[in-house]
Structures are given as structure tokens and as C-alpha cells.
């Protein structure tokens, strides 16, 4: 991961409520063997209420501006659910 503003590769973790809105998404129908059990699923870009923007995964059907909540962060992946 690289900061788009300063190009730093050092980051600090911070707590957030993990609530936000879908900014963008794409639906994955065909995946690698590693993620085949998840298909179909969505990759989402979420604008969190804290002002941060993160990329994650969600199983449910979603639309732009849908409210979502962070369920987990495991193996460097944010997993969201509709609110």
C-alpha cells in the first residue's frame, strides 16, 4: 500500500465505526480458485463517515450511496454488510 498524496508506505492504524456509503462497486462473477467459493460478490469503494475511503468486499446486492457497515477486517480485507 502506498499513500497517494505523499507516496509513503508507512501507515498507522486507527479505530473507526466503519459506517459509510458505497462510492463505487463492481460485481465479480468469475474469480480465481482462491475466491471461487465467494462468487458472486462485490468489490466496493466505501466513503466512511470518518472521511476515509476504503476498498472492501460485500456479498449482498448494493447500489451507489447504499449505507454499509464494516463487519470485519481479516487477512487485509474489509468485509461490509448493508445497513
Protein backbone atom coordinates (compact mmCIF):
# COMPACT_ATOMS: atom_id res chain seq x y z
CA UNK A 1 0.00 0.00 0.00
CA UNK A 2 1.19 3.48 -0.88
CA UNK A 3 -0.25 6.83 0.18
CA UNK A 4 -1.43 8.60 -3.00
CA UNK A 5 -0.58 12.01 -1.53
CA UNK A 6 2.91 11.56 -0.09
CA UNK A 7 3.93 8.13 -1.51
CA UNK A 8 4.73 6.85 1.99
CA UNK A 9 4.48 3.13 2.69
CA UNK A 10 4.22 3.58 6.46
CA UNK A 11 0.73 3.72 7.94
CA UNK A 12 -0.85 3.98 11.39
CA UNK A 13 -3.92 2.02 12.38
CA UNK A 14 -6.86 3.89 13.84
CA UNK A 15 -10.27 2.93 15.15
CA UNK A 16 -13.36 3.87 13.16
CA UNK A 17 -17.01 2.97 13.44
CA UNK A 18 -16.88 1.57 9.92
CA UNK A 19 -20.15 3.11 8.78
CA UNK A 20 -20.38 4.78 5.40
CA UNK A 21 -21.83 4.83 1.90
CA UNK A 22 -20.94 2.99 -1.28
CA UNK A 23 -18.97 5.28 -3.60
CA UNK A 24 -18.37 2.71 -6.34
CA UNK A 25 -18.61 -1.05 -6.90
CA UNK A 26 -18.11 -3.89 -9.32
CA UNK A 27 -19.71 -7.34 -9.25
CA UNK A 28 -17.35 -10.30 -9.53
CA UNK A 29 -18.91 -13.27 -11.35
CA UNK A 30 -15.79 -15.26 -12.20
CA UNK A 31 -12.91 -15.47 -9.76
CA UNK A 32 -9.66 -17.28 -9.13
CA UNK A 33 -9.82 -20.66 -7.37
CA UNK A 34 -8.89 -18.93 -4.11
CA UNK A 35 -12.08 -16.84 -4.12
CA UNK A 36 -14.37 -19.08 -6.19
CA UNK A 37 -16.42 -20.02 -3.12
CA UNK A 38 -17.38 -16.33 -2.68
CA UNK A 39 -18.74 -15.68 -6.18
CA UNK A 40 -20.75 -13.77 -6.98
CA UNK A 41 -19.58 -10.94 -4.73
CA UNK A 42 -18.97 -7.21 -4.94
CA UNK A 43 -15.79 -5.19 -4.57
CA UNK A 44 -16.83 -1.85 -3.10
CA UNK A 45 -15.23 1.52 -2.53
CA UNK A 46 -16.77 2.96 0.62
CA UNK A 47 -16.70 6.55 1.86
CA UNK A 48 -16.69 6.15 5.63
CA UNK A 49 -18.40 8.70 7.87
CA UNK A 50 -14.93 9.38 9.34
CA UNK A 51 -13.85 10.83 5.98
CA UNK A 52 -11.70 7.87 4.95
CA UNK A 53 -12.24 5.93 1.73
CA UNK A 54 -11.57 2.17 1.75
CA UNK A 55 -11.95 -0.76 -0.60
CA UNK A 56 -13.64 -3.92 0.60
CA UNK A 57 -15.94 -6.80 -0.20
CA UNK A 58 -19.67 -7.32 0.26
CA UNK A 59 -21.89 -10.30 -0.58
CA UNK A 60 -25.28 -8.57 -0.81
CA UNK A 61 -26.60 -6.67 -3.83
CA UNK A 62 -25.78 -2.98 -3.44
CA UNK A 63 -26.14 0.33 -5.24
CA UNK A 64 -24.23 3.61 -5.19
CA UNK A 65 -24.96 5.56 -1.95
CA UNK A 66 -26.24 2.47 -0.09
CA UNK A 67 -25.39 2.61 3.61
CA UNK A 68 -22.95 -0.09 4.71
CA UNK A 69 -21.24 -1.13 7.91
CA UNK A 70 -17.88 -2.79 8.45
CA UNK A 71 -18.29 -6.38 9.64
CA UNK A 72 -14.66 -7.47 9.82
CA UNK A 73 -11.09 -6.83 8.78
CA UNK A 74 -9.30 -10.11 8.23
CA UNK A 75 -6.32 -11.01 6.06
CA UNK A 76 -6.07 -7.37 4.88
CA UNK A 77 -9.68 -7.38 3.58
CA UNK A 78 -12.54 -5.19 4.79
CA UNK A 79 -15.88 -7.01 4.70
CA UNK A 80 -19.05 -4.91 4.70
CA UNK A 81 -22.79 -5.50 5.07
CA UNK A 82 -25.76 -3.34 4.10
CA UNK A 83 -27.28 -1.34 6.94
